[in-house]
Amino acid sequence: MDDRCCVLIGAPVEAGAGRRGCGMGPAAYAAAGLGEALAELGFAVEHRGDVVPGPLRTVDHPNPAIRNLAEVAAWTAALDEAAFAASRDGFPIFLGGDHSLSAGTIAGMSRRAAAEGRALWVVWLDAHPDLHTLDSTESGNLHGTPMAYLTGRPGFAGYMPGPDVPLKPEHVCMIGLRSVDPVERRALAAGHVEVHDMRSIDERGIAAPLAAFLERAAHAGAMLHVSLDVDFLDPGIAPGVGTTVPGGATFREAHLAMEMLRDSGLVRSLDLVELNPFLDERGRTALLMVDLAASLMGRRILDRPTRSS
């Protein structure tokens, strides 16, 4: 793996969301200068274009609320393969697209970690835990299910393609939660996922819990994947998302998290998800997400460019 090469992979998935617009995300990241920002940091940048899902198969599920299951299953399989392949060649950055895409990207990265004799650990930066199963979802929007799928919760077999190497719940750290359904709350209480909701962040700050998780991951020799949802951020600074939840992470909290993740030396892949350019304000959210990705990849405070007003 060439750790000085970033592989940009478009994942214009919107089949898992409740409204359209996330499919424009990869183009918005290009317009916001993600490739240029990475090149300025000294990375070779490989643009692999958008992933294309395979043919859809008929998938019927007894939960009548579910929408677009066949499409999400096809995207999951295609992104699993894309992640596994790209992680052999460099540092993959997946440009979403709604959060259902992580079912595929993280599954592929978990296979890559296993192929290298390691375990994949995940930092999940999101307002939601996305722990609904196909049976429990009431909205039918499958961007609320990827973490249940990835951690091997029941009900996905026969409808979704894997995952071949499920995540251990204790290898997942969720930061920024503030919108959790009762079913998801029970799943979190019964499992071993590490959770730091926004009250915890308000009380303790973001540095201490993240540092403790990263220390555990380093001790285990883990490979780390970061999944960054726009709604992790407060909508006052990141309005371009279809699931705005007040009270999210501030500009500095988000950048501090990215800088700490970079300093850990463990991160091997990144999801940028749920950007909806149709709802953004003059590219404001896309620019912030690019800035955060640059922090994760090594940009320091003193290196950050000043934007004209």
C-alpha atoms as a PDB file:
ATOM      1  CA  MET A   1       0.000   0.000   0.000  1.00  0.00           C
ATOM      2  CA  ASP A   2       1.344   3.428  -1.000  1.00  0.00           C
ATOM      3  CA  ASP A   3       0.596   5.617   2.022  1.00  0.00           C
ATOM      4  CA  ARG A   4       1.360   8.763  -0.002  1.00  0.00           C
ATOM      5  CA  CYS A   5      -1.380   8.071  -2.536  1.00  0.00           C
ATOM      6  CA  CYS A   6      -5.008   9.037  -1.927  1.00  0.00           C
ATOM      7  CA  VAL A   7      -7.538   7.143  -4.015  1.00  0.00           C
ATOM      8  CA  LEU A   8     -10.736   9.149  -4.496  1.00  0.00           C
ATOM      9  CA  ILE A   9     -13.787   6.995  -5.126  1.00  0.00           C
ATOM     10  CA  GLY A  10     -17.198   8.457  -5.891  1.00  0.00           C
ATOM     11  CA  ALA A  11     -20.142   6.754  -4.209  1.00  0.00           C
ATOM     12  CA  PRO A  12     -23.177   8.706  -5.448  1.00  0.00           C
ATOM     13  CA  VAL A  13     -25.629   6.637  -3.429  1.00  0.00           C
ATOM     14  CA  GLU A  14     -28.961   8.153  -2.500  1.00  0.00           C
ATOM     15  CA  ALA A  15     -31.107   5.008  -2.451  1.00  0.00           C
ATOM     16  CA  GLY A  16     -30.743   4.813   1.322  1.00  0.00           C
ATOM     17  CA  ALA A  17     -31.850   8.359   2.096  1.00  0.00           C
ATOM     18  CA  GLY A  18     -35.281   9.868   2.512  1.00  0.00           C
ATOM     19  CA  ARG A  19     -34.715  12.653   0.005  1.00  0.00           C
ATOM     20  CA  ARG A  20     -32.720  13.120  -3.150  1.00  0.00           C
ATOM     21  CA  GLY A  21     -29.542  15.138  -3.565  1.00  0.00           C
ATOM     22  CA  CYS A  22     -26.741  13.071  -1.970  1.00  0.00           C
ATOM     23  CA  GLY A  23     -25.918  11.675  -5.389  1.00  0.00           C
ATOM     24  CA  MET A  24     -24.393  15.055  -6.237  1.00  0.00           C
ATOM     25  CA  GLY A  25     -21.888  14.731  -3.398  1.00  0.00           C
ATOM     26  CA  PRO A  26     -18.860  13.485  -5.361  1.00  0.00           C
ATOM     27  CA  ALA A  27     -19.124  16.366  -7.826  1.00  0.00           C
ATOM     28  CA  ALA A  28     -19.450  18.849  -4.963  1.00  0.00           C
ATOM     29  CA  TYR A  29     -16.264  17.559  -3.329  1.00  0.00           C
ATOM     30  CA  ALA A  30     -14.439  17.937  -6.638  1.00  0.00           C
ATOM     31  CA  ALA A  31     -15.726  21.503  -7.002  1.00  0.00           C
ATOM     32  CA  ALA A  32     -14.706  22.276  -3.409  1.00  0.00           C
ATOM     33  CA  GLY A  33     -11.119  21.304  -4.220  1.00  0.00           C
ATOM     34  CA  LEU A  34     -10.574  18.053  -2.337  1.00  0.00           C
ATOM     35  CA  GLY A  35      -8.061  16.746  -4.873  1.00  0.00           C
ATOM     36  CA  GLU A  36      -6.114  20.001  -4.870  1.00  0.00           C
ATOM     37  CA  ALA A  37      -6.054  20.126  -1.051  1.00  0.00           C
ATOM     38  CA  LEU A  38      -4.594  16.620  -0.888  1.00  0.00           C
ATOM     39  CA  ALA A  39      -2.027  17.403  -3.579  1.00  0.00           C
ATOM     40  CA  GLU A  40      -0.907  20.480  -1.609  1.00  0.00           C
ATOM     41  CA  LEU A  41      -0.213  18.140   1.312  1.00  0.00           C
ATOM     42  CA  GLY A  42       2.145  16.126  -0.882  1.00  0.00           C
ATOM     43  CA  PHE A  43      -0.110  13.219  -1.778  1.00  0.00           C
ATOM     44  CA  ALA A  44      -0.409  11.668  -5.192  1.00  0.00           C
ATOM     45  CA  VAL A  45      -4.118  11.744  -6.000  1.00  0.00           C
ATOM     46  CA  GLU A  46      -5.766   9.044  -8.049  1.00  0.00           C
ATOM     47  CA  HIS A  47      -9.318   9.694  -9.230  1.00  0.00           C
ATOM     48  CA  ARG A  48     -11.085   6.400  -9.826  1.00  0.00           C
ATOM     49  CA  GLY A  49     -14.420   7.945 -10.741  1.00  0.00           C
ATOM     50  CA  ASP A  50     -17.787   6.791  -9.476  1.00  0.00           C
ATOM     51  CA  VAL A  51     -18.506   3.218  -8.475  1.00  0.00           C
ATOM     52  CA  VAL A  52     -21.255   1.630 -10.579  1.00  0.00           C
ATOM     53  CA  PRO A  53     -23.434  -1.005  -8.892  1.00  0.00           C
ATOM     54  CA  GLY A  54     -24.100  -4.319 -10.597  1.00  0.00           C
ATOM     55  CA  PRO A  55     -27.461  -5.535 -11.894  1.00  0.00           C
ATOM     56  CA  LEU A  56     -30.302  -5.458  -9.401  1.00  0.00           C
ATOM     57  CA  ARG A  57     -31.872  -8.673  -8.240  1.00  0.00           C
ATOM     58  CA  THR A  58     -35.397  -9.037  -6.948  1.00  0.00           C
ATOM     59  CA  VAL A  59     -35.388  -8.636  -3.178  1.00  0.00           C
ATOM     60  CA  ASP A  60     -38.654  -8.823  -1.266  1.00  0.00           C
ATOM     61  CA  HIS A  61     -38.769  -8.229   2.476  1.00  0.00           C
ATOM     62  CA  PRO A  62     -41.736  -8.612   4.822  1.00  0.00           C
ATOM     63  CA  ASN A  63     -41.212  -5.124   6.267  1.00  0.00           C
ATOM     64  CA  PRO A  64     -43.367  -2.990   3.941  1.00  0.00           C
ATOM     65  CA  ALA A  65     -41.651   0.242   5.003  1.00  0.00           C
ATOM     66  CA  ILE A  66     -38.325  -0.688   3.372  1.00  0.00           C
ATOM     67  CA  ARG A  67     -37.439   1.267   0.268  1.00  0.00           C
ATOM     68  CA  ASN A  68     -34.798   0.511  -2.370  1.00  0.00           C
ATOM     69  CA  LEU A  69     -33.427  -2.655  -0.770  1.00  0.00           C
ATOM     70  CA  ALA A  70     -32.245  -4.089  -4.089  1.00  0.00           C
ATOM     71  CA  GLU A  71     -30.392  -0.875  -4.931  1.00  0.00           C
ATOM     72  CA  VAL A  72     -28.707  -0.656  -1.520  1.00  0.00           C
ATOM     73  CA  ALA A  73     -27.681  -4.323  -1.708  1.00  0.00           C
ATOM     74  CA  ALA A  74     -26.124  -3.743  -5.141  1.00  0.00           C
ATOM     75  CA  TRP A  75     -24.262  -0.647  -3.957  1.00  0.00           C
ATOM     76  CA  THR A  76     -23.021  -2.530  -0.890  1.00  0.00           C
ATOM     77  CA  ALA A  77     -21.527  -5.324  -2.986  1.00  0.00           C
ATOM     78  CA  ALA A  78     -19.896  -2.911  -5.448  1.00  0.00           C
ATOM     79  CA  LEU A  79     -18.419  -0.678  -2.743  1.00  0.00           C
ATOM     80  CA  ASP A  80     -17.127  -3.679  -0.797  1.00  0.00           C
ATOM     81  CA  GLU A  81     -15.105  -4.700  -3.865  1.00  0.00           C
ATOM     82  CA  ALA A  82     -14.003  -1.126  -4.589  1.00  0.00           C
ATOM     83  CA  ALA A  83     -12.780  -0.618  -1.017  1.00  0.00           C
ATOM     84  CA  PHE A  84     -10.889  -3.885  -0.909  1.00  0.00           C
ATOM     85  CA  ALA A  85      -9.145  -3.123  -4.202  1.00  0.00           C
ATOM     86  CA  ALA A  86      -8.350   0.541  -3.524  1.00  0.00           C
ATOM     87  CA  SER A  87      -6.935  -0.166  -0.058  1.00  0.00           C
ATOM     88  CA  ARG A  88      -4.258  -2.307  -1.708  1.00  0.00           C
ATOM     89  CA  ASP A  89      -3.027   0.704  -3.680  1.00  0.00           C
ATOM     90  CA  GLY A  90      -3.382   3.677  -1.350  1.00  0.00           C
ATOM     91  CA  PHE A  91      -5.552   5.530   1.139  1.00  0.00           C
ATOM     92  CA  PRO A  92      -9.150   5.352  -0.119  1.00  0.00           C
ATOM     93  CA  ILE A  93     -11.508   8.274   0.434  1.00  0.00           C
ATOM     94  CA  PHE A  94     -15.135   7.495  -0.390  1.00  0.00           C
ATOM     95  CA  LEU A  95     -17.159  10.464  -1.537  1.00  0.00           C
ATOM     96  CA  GLY A  96     -20.837  10.036  -0.729  1.00  0.00           C
ATOM     97  CA  GLY A  97     -23.599   9.631  -1.053  1.00  0.00           C
ATOM     98  CA  ASP A  98     -25.808   8.691   1.889  1.00  0.00           C
ATOM     99  CA  HIS A  99     -24.570   6.692   4.864  1.00  0.00           C
ATOM    100  CA  SER A 100     -25.826   3.367   3.522  1.00  0.00           C
ATOM    101  CA  LEU A 101     -22.603   3.385   1.484  1.00  0.00           C
ATOM    102  CA  SER A 102     -20.618   2.533   4.622  1.00  0.00           C
ATOM    103  CA  ALA A 103     -22.116  -0.953   4.621  1.00  0.00           C
ATOM    104  CA  GLY A 104     -19.942  -1.590   1.574  1.00  0.00           C
ATOM    105  CA  THR A 105     -16.879   0.548   2.267  1.00  0.00           C
ATOM    106  CA  ILE A 106     -16.356  -0.721   5.799  1.00  0.00           C
ATOM    107  CA  ALA A 107     -17.040  -4.330   4.777  1.00  0.00           C
ATOM    108  CA  GLY A 108     -14.317  -4.044   2.139  1.00  0.00           C
ATOM    109  CA  MET A 109     -11.888  -2.411   4.556  1.00  0.00           C
ATOM    110  CA  SER A 110     -12.590  -5.125   7.136  1.00  0.00           C
ATOM    111  CA  ARG A 111     -11.632  -7.731   4.530  1.00  0.00           C
ATOM    112  CA  ARG A 112      -8.451  -5.769   3.801  1.00  0.00           C
ATOM    113  CA  ALA A 113      -7.547  -5.646   7.485  1.00  0.00           C
ATOM    114  CA  ALA A 114      -8.111  -9.394   7.807  1.00  0.00           C
ATOM    115  CA  ALA A 115      -5.925 -10.012   4.740  1.00  0.00           C
ATOM    116  CA  GLU A 116      -3.138  -8.135   6.532  1.00  0.00           C
ATOM    117  CA  GLY A 117      -3.654 -10.089   9.741  1.00  0.00           C
ATOM    118  CA  ARG A 118      -5.238  -7.183  11.577  1.00  0.00           C
ATOM    119  CA  ALA A 119      -8.663  -6.138  12.848  1.00  0.00           C
ATOM    120  CA  LEU A 120     -10.573  -3.135  11.545  1.00  0.00           C
ATOM    121  CA  TRP A 121     -11.671  -0.594  14.131  1.00  0.00           C
ATOM    122  CA  VAL A 122     -14.069   2.235  13.261  1.00  0.00           C
ATOM    123  CA  VAL A 123     -14.586   5.800  14.454  1.00  0.00           C
ATOM    124  CA  TRP A 124     -18.197   6.674  13.608  1.00  0.00           C
ATOM    125  CA  LEU A 125     -18.796  10.438  13.668  1.00  0.00           C
ATOM    126  CA  ASP A 126     -22.546  10.848  13.347  1.00  0.00           C
ATOM    127  CA  ALA A 127     -25.684  12.158  15.027  1.00  0.00           C
ATOM    128  CA  HIS A 128     -27.210   8.696  14.568  1.00  0.00           C
ATOM    129  CA  PRO A 129     -25.948   5.194  15.407  1.00  0.00           C
ATOM    130  CA  ASP A 130     -27.542   3.675  12.269  1.00  0.00           C
ATOM    131  CA  LEU A 131     -28.264   0.469  14.179  1.00  0.00           C
ATOM    132  CA  HIS A 132     -31.678  -0.361  12.759  1.00  0.00           C
ATOM    133  CA  THR A 133     -32.148  -3.779  11.217  1.00  0.00           C
ATOM    134  CA  LEU A 134     -34.300  -4.505   8.190  1.00  0.00           C
ATOM    135  CA  ASP A 135     -36.990  -5.681  10.588  1.00  0.00           C
ATOM    136  CA  SER A 136     -36.885  -2.697  12.937  1.00  0.00           C
ATOM    137  CA  THR A 137     -36.713   0.262  10.555  1.00  0.00           C
ATOM    138  CA  GLU A 138     -39.954   2.218  10.462  1.00  0.00           C
ATOM    139  CA  SER A 139     -38.843   4.918   8.040  1.00  0.00           C
ATOM    140  CA  GLY A 140     -37.607   2.324   5.544  1.00  0.00           C
ATOM    141  CA  ASN A 141     -34.569   4.520   4.825  1.00  0.00           C
ATOM    142  CA  LEU A 142     -31.634   2.152   4.762  1.00  0.00           C
ATOM    143  CA  HIS A 143     -29.012   4.779   5.608  1.00  0.00           C
ATOM    144  CA  GLY A 144     -30.154   3.983   9.143  1.00  0.00           C
ATOM    145  CA  THR A 145     -28.955   0.355   8.972  1.00  0.00           C
ATOM    146  CA  PRO A 146     -25.249   0.074   8.001  1.00  0.00           C
ATOM    147  CA  MET A 147     -23.794  -0.315  11.480  1.00  0.00           C
ATOM    148  CA  ALA A 148     -26.322  -3.032  12.345  1.00  0.00           C
ATOM    149  CA  TYR A 149     -25.343  -4.827   9.144  1.00  0.00           C
ATOM    150  CA  LEU A 150     -21.616  -4.464   9.759  1.00  0.00           C
ATOM    151  CA  THR A 151     -21.711  -5.689  13.361  1.00  0.00           C
ATOM    152  CA  GLY A 152     -23.637  -8.827  12.422  1.00  0.00           C
ATOM    153  CA  ARG A 153     -27.050  -8.030  13.880  1.00  0.00           C
ATOM    154  CA  PRO A 154     -29.679 -10.538  12.682  1.00  0.00           C
ATOM    155  CA  GLY A 155     -32.000 -10.233   9.716  1.00  0.00           C
ATOM    156  CA  PHE A 156     -29.703  -9.230   6.853  1.00  0.00           C
ATOM    157  CA  ALA A 157     -28.787 -12.691   5.544  1.00  0.00           C
ATOM    158  CA  GLY A 158     -30.422 -13.436   2.222  1.00  0.00           C
ATOM    159  CA  TYR A 159     -31.113  -9.773   1.562  1.00  0.00           C
ATOM    160  CA  MET A 160     -27.642  -8.196   1.714  1.00  0.00           C
ATOM    161  CA  PRO A 161     -24.361  -9.614   0.359  1.00  0.00           C
ATOM    162  CA  GLY A 162     -22.309 -10.090   3.532  1.00  0.00           C
ATOM    163  CA  PRO A 163     -20.293  -8.854   5.339  1.00  0.00           C
ATOM    164  CA  ASP A 164     -17.566 -11.472   5.029  1.00  0.00           C
ATOM    165  CA  VAL A 165     -15.666 -10.125   8.060  1.00  0.00           C
ATOM    166  CA  PRO A 166     -18.127  -8.520  10.518  1.00  0.00           C
ATOM    167  CA  LEU A 167     -16.979  -5.828  12.906  1.00  0.00           C
ATOM    168  CA  LYS A 168     -16.709  -6.605  16.586  1.00  0.00           C
ATOM    169  CA  PRO A 169     -18.944  -4.062  18.374  1.00  0.00           C
ATOM    170  CA  GLU A 170     -16.186  -3.314  20.879  1.00  0.00           C
ATOM    171  CA  HIS A 171     -14.044  -2.117  17.961  1.00  0.00           C
ATOM    172  CA  VAL A 172     -16.511   0.681  17.135  1.00  0.00           C
ATOM    173  CA  CYS A 173     -16.469   4.137  18.733  1.00  0.00           C
ATOM    174  CA  MET A 174     -19.471   6.377  18.053  1.00  0.00           C
ATOM    175  CA  ILE A 175     -18.996  10.068  18.751  1.00  0.00           C
ATOM    176  CA  GLY A 176     -21.587  12.836  18.490  1.00  0.00           C
ATOM    177  CA  LEU A 177     -24.812  10.857  18.880  1.00  0.00           C
ATOM    178  CA  ARG A 178     -27.891  12.930  19.658  1.00  0.00           C
ATOM    179  CA  SER A 179     -30.719  11.281  17.703  1.00  0.00           C
ATOM    180  CA  VAL A 180     -31.225   7.661  18.793  1.00  0.00           C
ATOM    181  CA  ASP A 181     -34.434   5.679  18.326  1.00  0.00           C
ATOM    182  CA  PRO A 182     -35.671   3.379  21.132  1.00  0.00           C
ATOM    183  CA  VAL A 183     -34.739   0.227  19.195  1.00  0.00           C
ATOM    184  CA  GLU A 184     -31.231   1.565  18.651  1.00  0.00           C
ATOM    185  CA  ARG A 185     -30.959   2.577  22.304  1.00  0.00           C
ATOM    186  CA  ARG A 186     -31.736  -0.976  23.355  1.00  0.00           C
ATOM    187  CA  ALA A 187     -29.173  -2.324  20.879  1.00  0.00           C
ATOM    188  CA  LEU A 188     -26.518  -0.005  22.278  1.00  0.00           C
ATOM    189  CA  ALA A 189     -27.381  -0.987  25.851  1.00  0.00           C
ATOM    190  CA  ALA A 190     -27.130  -4.678  24.999  1.00  0.00           C
ATOM    191  CA  GLY A 191     -23.929  -4.462  22.997  1.00  0.00           C
ATOM    192  CA  HIS A 192     -20.348  -3.328  23.495  1.00  0.00           C
ATOM    193  CA  VAL A 193     -20.121  -0.356  21.116  1.00  0.00           C
ATOM    194  CA  GLU A 194     -18.285   2.557  22.716  1.00  0.00           C
ATOM    195  CA  VAL A 195     -20.597   5.583  22.690  1.00  0.00           C
ATOM    196  CA  HIS A 196     -19.911   9.237  23.411  1.00  0.00           C
ATOM    197  CA  ASP A 197     -23.044  11.282  22.816  1.00  0.00           C
ATOM    198  CA  MET A 198     -23.102  15.072  22.716  1.00  0.00           C
ATOM    199  CA  ARG A 199     -23.852  15.335  26.440  1.00  0.00           C
ATOM    200  CA  SER A 200     -20.669  13.371  27.094  1.00  0.00           C
ATOM    201  CA  ILE A 201     -18.782  15.676  24.733  1.00  0.00           C
ATOM    202  CA  ASP A 202     -20.241  18.728  26.492  1.00  0.00           C
ATOM    203  CA  GLU A 203     -19.150  17.372  29.880  1.00  0.00           C
ATOM    204  CA  ARG A 204     -15.760  15.850  29.045  1.00  0.00           C
ATOM    205  CA  GLY A 205     -14.743  17.365  25.731  1.00  0.00           C
ATOM    206  CA  ILE A 206     -13.922  15.345  22.632  1.00  0.00           C
ATOM    207  CA  ALA A 207     -10.198  14.776  23.235  1.00  0.00           C
ATOM    208  CA  ALA A 208     -10.232  12.476  26.263  1.00  0.00           C
ATOM    209  CA  PRO A 209     -12.662   9.798  24.991  1.00  0.00           C
ATOM    210  CA  LEU A 210     -11.158   9.777  21.503  1.00  0.00           C
ATOM    211  CA  ALA A 211      -7.620   9.517  22.902  1.00  0.00           C
ATOM    212  CA  ALA A 212      -8.612   6.548  25.071  1.00  0.00           C
ATOM    213  CA  PHE A 213     -10.157   4.712  22.118  1.00  0.00           C
ATOM    214  CA  LEU A 214      -7.140   5.413  19.925  1.00  0.00           C
ATOM    215  CA  GLU A 215      -4.830   4.125  22.642  1.00  0.00           C
ATOM    216  CA  ARG A 216      -6.792   0.855  22.763  1.00  0.00           C
ATOM    217  CA  ALA A 217      -6.708   0.596  18.970  1.00  0.00           C
ATOM    218  CA  ALA A 218      -2.951   1.199  18.860  1.00  0.00           C
ATOM    219  CA  HIS A 219      -2.328  -1.399  21.550  1.00  0.00           C
ATOM    220  CA  ALA A 220      -4.336  -3.905  19.466  1.00  0.00           C
ATOM    221  CA  GLY A 221      -2.391  -3.111  16.273  1.00  0.00           C
ATOM    222  CA  ALA A 222      -5.647  -2.127  14.595  1.00  0.00           C
ATOM    223  CA  MET A 223      -6.346  -0.642  11.203  1.00  0.00           C
ATOM    224  CA  LEU A 224      -8.720   2.322  11.549  1.00  0.00           C
ATOM    225  CA  HIS A 225     -11.546   3.532   9.329  1.00  0.00           C
ATOM    226  CA  VAL A 226     -13.211   6.918   9.870  1.00  0.00           C
ATOM    227  CA  SER A 227     -16.800   7.463   8.789  1.00  0.00           C
ATOM    228  CA  LEU A 228     -17.656  11.175   8.865  1.00  0.00           C
ATOM    229  CA  ASP A 229     -21.313  12.124   8.447  1.00  0.00           C
ATOM    230  CA  VAL A 230     -22.137  15.780   7.789  1.00  0.00           C
ATOM    231  CA  ASP A 231     -24.717  15.671  10.576  1.00  0.00           C
ATOM    232  CA  PHE A 232     -21.964  15.010  13.115  1.00  0.00           C
ATOM    233  CA  LEU A 233     -21.446  18.744  12.737  1.00  0.00           C
ATOM    234  CA  ASP A 234     -23.768  21.410  14.054  1.00  0.00           C
ATOM    235  CA  PRO A 235     -26.139  22.522  11.269  1.00  0.00           C
ATOM    236  CA  GLY A 236     -25.158  26.114  11.985  1.00  0.00           C
ATOM    237  CA  ILE A 237     -21.805  25.417  10.323  1.00  0.00           C
ATOM    238  CA  ALA A 238     -22.867  22.533   8.038  1.00  0.00           C
ATOM    239  CA  PRO A 239     -26.392  23.052   6.661  1.00  0.00           C
ATOM    240  CA  GLY A 240     -25.985  20.854   3.576  1.00  0.00           C
ATOM    241  CA  VAL A 241     -27.523  17.660   4.949  1.00  0.00           C
ATOM    242  CA  GLY A 242     -30.997  16.147   4.852  1.00  0.00           C
ATOM    243  CA  THR A 243     -30.958  15.050   8.517  1.00  0.00           C
ATOM    244  CA  THR A 244     -30.099  18.215  10.449  1.00  0.00           C
ATOM    245  CA  VAL A 245     -29.970  17.684  14.213  1.00  0.00           C
ATOM    246  CA  PRO A 246     -29.197  20.739  16.379  1.00  0.00           C
ATOM    247  CA  GLY A 247     -26.382  20.631  18.887  1.00  0.00           C
ATOM    248  CA  GLY A 248     -23.657  18.975  16.858  1.00  0.00           C
ATOM    249  CA  ALA A 249     -19.886  19.270  16.956  1.00  0.00           C
ATOM    250  CA  THR A 250     -18.327  22.693  16.618  1.00  0.00           C
ATOM    251  CA  PHE A 251     -15.729  23.688  14.056  1.00  0.00           C
ATOM    252  CA  ARG A 252     -12.887  23.280  16.545  1.00  0.00           C
ATOM    253  CA  GLU A 253     -14.160  20.009  18.037  1.00  0.00           C
ATOM    254  CA  ALA A 254     -14.351  18.497  14.558  1.00  0.00           C
ATOM    255  CA  HIS A 255     -10.887  19.685  13.560  1.00  0.00           C
ATOM    256  CA  LEU A 256      -9.402  18.504  16.841  1.00  0.00           C
ATOM    257  CA  ALA A 257     -10.856  15.039  16.231  1.00  0.00           C
ATOM    258  CA  MET A 258      -9.357  14.966  12.735  1.00  0.00           C
ATOM    259  CA  GLU A 259      -5.962  16.108  13.991  1.00  0.00           C
ATOM    260  CA  MET A 260      -5.927  13.486  16.738  1.00  0.00           C
ATOM    261  CA  LEU A 261      -6.888  10.779  14.275  1.00  0.00           C
ATOM    262  CA  ARG A 262      -4.031  11.856  12.032  1.00  0.00           C
ATOM    263  CA  ASP A 263      -1.586  11.862  14.915  1.00  0.00           C
ATOM    264  CA  SER A 264      -2.559   8.279  15.803  1.00  0.00           C
ATOM    265  CA  GLY A 265      -1.050   6.959  12.565  1.00  0.00           C
ATOM    266  CA  LEU A 266      -3.763   4.283  12.427  1.00  0.00           C
ATOM    267  CA  VAL A 267      -6.221   5.642   9.868  1.00  0.00           C
ATOM    268  CA  ARG A 268      -6.283   3.837   6.523  1.00  0.00           C
ATOM    269  CA  SER A 269      -9.567   4.991   4.962  1.00  0.00           C
ATOM    270  CA  LEU A 270     -12.284   7.632   5.159  1.00  0.00           C
ATOM    271  CA  ASP A 271     -15.973   8.012   4.324  1.00  0.00           C
ATOM    272  CA  LEU A 272     -17.394  11.486   3.647  1.00  0.00           C
ATOM    273  CA  VAL A 273     -21.148  10.964   3.734  1.00  0.00           C
ATOM    274  CA  GLU A 274     -24.564  12.634   3.634  1.00  0.00           C
ATOM    275  CA  LEU A 275     -23.484  15.845   1.908  1.00  0.00           C
ATOM    276  CA  ASN A 276     -26.528  17.125   0.028  1.00  0.00           C
ATOM    277  CA  PRO A 277     -25.390  19.998  -2.215  1.00  0.00           C
ATOM    278  CA  PHE A 278     -29.019  20.806  -3.034  1.00  0.00           C
ATOM    279  CA  LEU A 279     -29.451  21.909   0.599  1.00  0.00           C
ATOM    280  CA  ASP A 280     -26.067  23.615   1.003  1.00  0.00           C
ATOM    281  CA  GLU A 281     -25.368  27.357   1.112  1.00  0.00           C
ATOM    282  CA  ARG A 282     -22.922  28.386  -1.623  1.00  0.00           C
ATOM    283  CA  GLY A 283     -20.819  25.278  -1.075  1.00  0.00           C
ATOM    284  CA  ARG A 284     -20.271  26.053   2.594  1.00  0.00           C
ATOM    285  CA  THR A 285     -20.679  22.498   3.859  1.00  0.00           C
ATOM    286  CA  ALA A 286     -18.643  20.947   1.050  1.00  0.00           C
ATOM    287  CA  LEU A 287     -15.770  23.336   1.772  1.00  0.00           C
ATOM    288  CA  LEU A 288     -15.868  22.501   5.483  1.00  0.00           C
ATOM    289  CA  MET A 289     -15.848  18.760   4.802  1.00  0.00           C
ATOM    290  CA  VAL A 290     -12.848  19.196   2.490  1.00  0.00           C
ATOM    291  CA  ASP A 291     -11.119  21.211   5.218  1.00  0.00           C
ATOM    292  CA  LEU A 292     -11.777  18.439   7.741  1.00  0.00           C
ATOM    293  CA  ALA A 293     -10.485  15.783   5.348  1.00  0.00           C
ATOM    294  CA  ALA A 294      -7.327  17.865   4.896  1.00  0.00           C
ATOM    295  CA  SER A 295      -6.875  17.992   8.678  1.00  0.00           C
ATOM    296  CA  LEU A 296      -7.190  14.209   8.827  1.00  0.00           C
ATOM    297  CA  MET A 297      -4.535  13.926   6.140  1.00  0.00           C
ATOM    298  CA  GLY A 298      -2.044  16.208   7.872  1.00  0.00           C
ATOM    299  CA  ARG A 299      -2.919  19.862   7.425  1.00  0.00           C
ATOM    300  CA  ARG A 300      -2.015  21.800  10.563  1.00  0.00           C
ATOM    301  CA  ILE A 301      -3.530  24.957  12.030  1.00  0.00           C
ATOM    302  CA  LEU A 302      -0.679  27.113  10.759  1.00  0.00           C
ATOM    303  CA  ASP A 303      -1.058  25.657   7.267  1.00  0.00           C
ATOM    304  CA  ARG A 304      -4.771  26.388   6.913  1.00  0.00           C
ATOM    305  CA  PRO A 305      -5.479  28.914   4.173  1.00  0.00           C
ATOM    306  CA  THR A 306      -7.473  32.044   4.922  1.00  0.00           C
ATOM    307  CA  ARG A 307     -10.687  32.187   2.918  1.00  0.00           C
ATOM    308  CA  SER A 308     -11.877  35.477   1.491  1.00  0.00           C
ATOM    309  CA  SER A 309     -15.237  36.624   2.855  1.00  0.00           C
END
